[in-house]
Amino acid sequence: MSPTEPAATSPVEPFAVRHYRRARAEVAPYARTIGVVAVIAAVWGVWASGPGWLTPAYLVLAVVGAALGVIDAHTHRLPNALVFPLTWATGALLVLAALGTSGWADLGRAALGGLAFFAFYQVLYLVSPRGGIGYGDVKLSLSLGAFLAWHSWTTLLIGVFATHLVAGVVAGALLLGRRAGWKTGIAFGPYMLLGTAIGLTWARLVG
């Protein structure tokens, strides 16, 4: 075998390993910031989940959400290497929670809520001007909608409302401070994650 041919004959790296490498490459430039935010988010996740059967799902949301929020704030990107695992983990861990609590109605509502949130953001993506909603936001909405709707439709609506309220207030402050213009793009993922955290916090407080 020629020494110039190893790439063609070497074994293909497993999909999970390739995906892990991509995720690690996305996280590496902001690892310290992500670590600090993830610890704070994880503490919130344990509190907001009860703790109980939902705790594993909340911890995944907290840690991956911290990474997504920091990366999006810096790059205006929500990488598939993190969004897709969050989506898969959300589905699997909410099924686990339903098994532990017999919360099949909650699981069904979560599935419908995730699809509804996804459809809503798909429409926003199609009608918003360039620099508004990105398709990474659309993909992220599936997981966030499922988390919110697990608790109730009201929680889902509060999460959506909080997302757009916080984003609007920050955008208005940037405009007034002349730190942004009407056509300036903003990273919307952090507001989606914060709005979801507000909705889930409300659900925890009202019991």
Protein backbone atom coordinates (compact mmCIF):
# COMPACT_ATOMS: atom_id res chain seq x y z
CA MET A 1 0.00 0.00 0.00
CA SER A 2 1.33 3.44 -0.93
CA PRO A 3 2.06 5.79 1.99
CA THR A 4 -0.04 8.40 0.21
CA GLU A 5 -3.24 6.29 0.58
CA PRO A 6 -3.98 5.97 4.34
CA ALA A 7 -6.97 8.30 4.30
CA ALA A 8 -8.73 6.13 1.74
CA THR A 9 -8.09 2.88 3.59
CA SER A 10 -8.29 3.96 7.26
CA PRO A 11 -11.54 3.14 9.13
CA VAL A 12 -14.24 5.80 9.11
CA GLU A 13 -14.65 7.56 12.44
CA PRO A 14 -17.98 6.70 14.13
CA PHE A 15 -20.74 9.29 13.78
CA ALA A 16 -20.93 9.90 17.54
CA VAL A 17 -17.20 10.60 17.70
CA ARG A 18 -17.33 13.00 14.75
CA HIS A 19 -20.29 14.80 16.33
CA TYR A 20 -18.48 15.05 19.66
CA ARG A 21 -15.42 16.54 17.96
CA ARG A 22 -17.57 19.16 16.24
CA ALA A 23 -19.31 20.06 19.50
CA ARG A 24 -15.99 20.33 21.34
CA ALA A 25 -14.59 22.58 18.60
CA GLU A 26 -17.60 24.89 18.93
CA VAL A 27 -17.27 25.11 22.72
CA ALA A 28 -13.48 25.41 22.98
CA PRO A 29 -13.07 29.15 22.13
CA TYR A 30 -15.52 30.14 24.88
CA ALA A 31 -14.98 27.28 27.35
CA ARG A 32 -14.30 29.43 30.41
CA THR A 33 -17.38 31.63 29.97
CA ILE A 34 -19.54 28.63 29.14
CA GLY A 35 -18.28 26.85 32.26
CA VAL A 36 -19.28 29.72 34.56
CA VAL A 37 -22.71 30.14 32.95
CA ALA A 38 -23.29 26.36 32.93
CA VAL A 39 -22.63 26.04 36.68
CA ILE A 40 -25.14 28.81 37.45
CA ALA A 41 -27.64 27.31 35.01
CA ALA A 42 -27.20 23.83 36.48
CA VAL A 43 -27.96 25.09 40.00
CA TRP A 44 -31.10 26.73 38.61
CA GLY A 45 -31.97 23.50 36.78
CA VAL A 46 -31.86 21.39 39.94
CA TRP A 47 -34.05 23.90 41.78
CA ALA A 48 -36.51 24.48 38.93
CA SER A 49 -37.00 20.75 38.30
CA GLY A 50 -38.05 19.93 41.82
CA PRO A 51 -35.65 18.03 41.94
CA GLY A 52 -37.25 14.89 40.55
CA TRP A 53 -37.70 12.92 37.36
CA LEU A 54 -37.33 16.08 35.27
CA THR A 55 -33.94 16.93 36.76
CA PRO A 56 -31.81 15.11 34.12
CA ALA A 57 -33.68 16.90 31.32
CA TYR A 58 -33.31 20.27 33.05
CA LEU A 59 -29.59 19.72 33.61
CA VAL A 60 -29.04 18.94 29.93
CA LEU A 61 -31.05 22.02 28.97
CA ALA A 62 -29.04 24.12 31.45
CA VAL A 63 -25.59 22.97 30.32
CA VAL A 64 -26.21 22.80 26.57
CA GLY A 65 -28.30 25.97 26.74
CA ALA A 66 -25.42 27.78 28.45
CA ALA A 67 -23.09 26.75 25.62
CA LEU A 68 -25.59 27.74 22.94
CA GLY A 69 -26.32 31.10 24.53
CA VAL A 70 -22.66 32.05 24.88
CA ILE A 71 -21.74 30.87 21.38
CA ASP A 72 -24.71 32.65 19.79
CA ALA A 73 -23.94 35.87 21.67
CA HIS A 74 -20.40 35.82 20.23
CA THR A 75 -21.00 34.45 16.74
CA HIS A 76 -24.73 34.82 15.93
CA ARG A 77 -24.78 31.06 15.32
CA LEU A 78 -26.52 28.14 17.00
CA PRO A 79 -24.40 25.19 15.85
CA ASN A 80 -26.11 21.95 14.83
CA ALA A 81 -23.44 20.06 16.78
CA LEU A 82 -25.17 21.28 19.96
CA VAL A 83 -28.76 21.93 18.86
CA PHE A 84 -29.37 18.43 17.50
CA PRO A 85 -28.08 16.57 20.59
CA LEU A 86 -30.24 18.84 22.75
CA THR A 87 -33.28 17.93 20.64
CA TRP A 88 -32.58 14.18 20.89
CA ALA A 89 -31.83 14.38 24.61
CA THR A 90 -34.98 16.41 25.26
CA GLY A 91 -37.14 13.75 23.67
CA ALA A 92 -35.44 10.86 25.45
CA LEU A 93 -35.33 12.49 28.88
CA LEU A 94 -38.93 13.70 28.76
CA VAL A 95 -39.97 10.13 27.92
CA LEU A 96 -37.96 9.01 30.98
CA ALA A 97 -39.78 11.61 33.08
CA ALA A 98 -43.13 10.39 31.77
CA LEU A 99 -42.18 6.81 32.69
CA GLY A 100 -41.24 7.88 36.20
CA THR A 101 -44.28 10.04 36.84
CA SER A 102 -46.88 8.39 34.58
CA GLY A 103 -47.11 11.82 32.99
CA TRP A 104 -48.18 10.65 29.55
CA ALA A 105 -50.57 13.59 29.12
CA ASP A 106 -47.68 15.93 29.95
CA LEU A 107 -45.49 14.16 27.39
CA GLY A 108 -48.17 14.45 24.71
CA ARG A 109 -48.62 18.14 25.45
CA ALA A 110 -44.83 18.61 25.33
CA ALA A 111 -44.69 17.02 21.88
CA LEU A 112 -47.51 19.21 20.60
CA GLY A 113 -46.00 22.30 22.24
CA GLY A 114 -42.61 21.67 20.69
CA LEU A 115 -44.19 21.33 17.24
CA ALA A 116 -46.32 24.44 17.79
CA PHE A 117 -43.29 26.51 18.88
CA PHE A 118 -41.34 25.16 15.91
CA ALA A 119 -44.16 26.10 13.50
CA PHE A 120 -44.42 29.58 15.03
CA TYR A 121 -40.72 30.23 14.59
CA GLN A 122 -40.77 28.77 11.09
CA VAL A 123 -43.32 31.43 10.18
CA LEU A 124 -41.27 34.15 11.90
CA TYR A 125 -38.20 32.99 9.98
CA LEU A 126 -40.05 33.27 6.68
CA VAL A 127 -41.52 36.72 7.31
CA SER A 128 -38.78 38.40 9.35
CA PRO A 129 -36.24 40.66 7.63
CA ARG A 130 -32.71 39.46 7.13
CA GLY A 131 -30.81 39.58 10.42
CA GLY A 132 -33.95 38.72 12.42
CA ILE A 133 -34.81 35.11 13.19
CA GLY A 134 -32.19 32.62 12.01
CA TYR A 135 -32.85 28.98 11.19
CA GLY A 136 -30.84 27.93 14.22
CA ASP A 137 -33.51 29.67 16.30
CA VAL A 138 -36.18 27.66 14.49
CA LYS A 139 -34.42 24.37 15.27
CA LEU A 140 -33.85 25.33 18.91
CA SER A 141 -37.55 26.15 19.36
CA LEU A 142 -38.51 22.47 19.12
CA SER A 143 -36.74 21.59 22.38
CA LEU A 144 -37.68 24.77 24.22
CA GLY A 145 -41.34 24.45 23.29
CA ALA A 146 -41.39 20.87 24.58
CA PHE A 147 -39.92 21.87 27.95
CA LEU A 148 -42.40 24.71 28.39
CA ALA A 149 -45.48 22.81 27.25
CA TRP A 150 -44.68 19.85 29.51
CA HIS A 151 -45.97 21.99 32.38
CA SER A 152 -48.93 23.69 30.70
CA TRP A 153 -49.99 25.70 27.68
CA THR A 154 -49.88 28.77 29.91
CA THR A 155 -46.20 28.10 30.64
CA LEU A 156 -45.53 27.89 26.91
CA LEU A 157 -47.25 31.24 26.31
CA ILE A 158 -45.35 32.86 29.18
CA GLY A 159 -42.06 31.59 27.77
CA VAL A 160 -42.84 32.94 24.30
CA PHE A 161 -44.02 36.28 25.68
CA ALA A 162 -40.97 36.63 27.96
CA THR A 163 -38.63 35.86 25.06
CA HIS A 164 -39.98 38.64 22.88
CA LEU A 165 -40.45 41.09 25.74
CA VAL A 166 -36.84 40.78 26.91
CA ALA A 167 -35.53 40.92 23.34
CA GLY A 168 -37.64 44.00 22.64
CA VAL A 169 -36.50 45.81 25.79
CA VAL A 170 -32.82 45.10 25.06
CA ALA A 171 -33.19 46.10 21.41
CA GLY A 172 -34.91 49.32 22.44
CA ALA A 173 -32.16 50.13 24.93
CA LEU A 174 -29.48 49.53 22.28
CA LEU A 175 -31.31 51.81 19.86
CA LEU A 176 -31.72 54.57 22.43
CA GLY A 177 -28.06 54.25 23.36
CA ARG A 178 -27.13 54.36 19.67
CA ARG A 179 -25.27 51.10 20.03
CA ALA A 180 -27.39 49.51 17.30
CA GLY A 181 -29.43 50.58 14.29
CA TRP A 182 -32.76 49.41 12.92
CA LYS A 183 -30.98 46.99 10.59
CA THR A 184 -28.52 45.64 13.16
CA GLY A 185 -28.84 41.89 13.62
CA ILE A 186 -29.09 40.51 17.14
CA ALA A 187 -28.41 37.04 18.47
CA PHE A 188 -31.90 35.80 19.32
CA GLY A 189 -30.94 32.45 20.85
CA PRO A 190 -29.97 33.88 24.26
CA TYR A 191 -33.37 35.56 24.53
CA MET A 192 -35.14 32.32 23.64
CA LEU A 193 -33.20 30.51 26.34
CA LEU A 194 -33.80 33.26 28.90
CA GLY A 195 -37.51 33.39 28.04
CA THR A 196 -37.71 29.63 28.50
CA ALA A 197 -35.96 29.89 31.87
CA ILE A 198 -38.47 32.57 32.92
CA GLY A 199 -41.38 30.34 31.87
CA LEU A 200 -39.99 27.31 33.69
CA THR A 201 -39.23 29.41 36.79
CA TRP A 202 -42.84 30.60 36.78
CA ALA A 203 -44.02 26.97 36.52
CA ARG A 204 -41.85 26.04 39.52
CA LEU A 205 -43.12 28.93 41.62
CA VAL A 206 -46.80 28.28 40.97
CA GLY A 207 -46.31 24.58 41.59
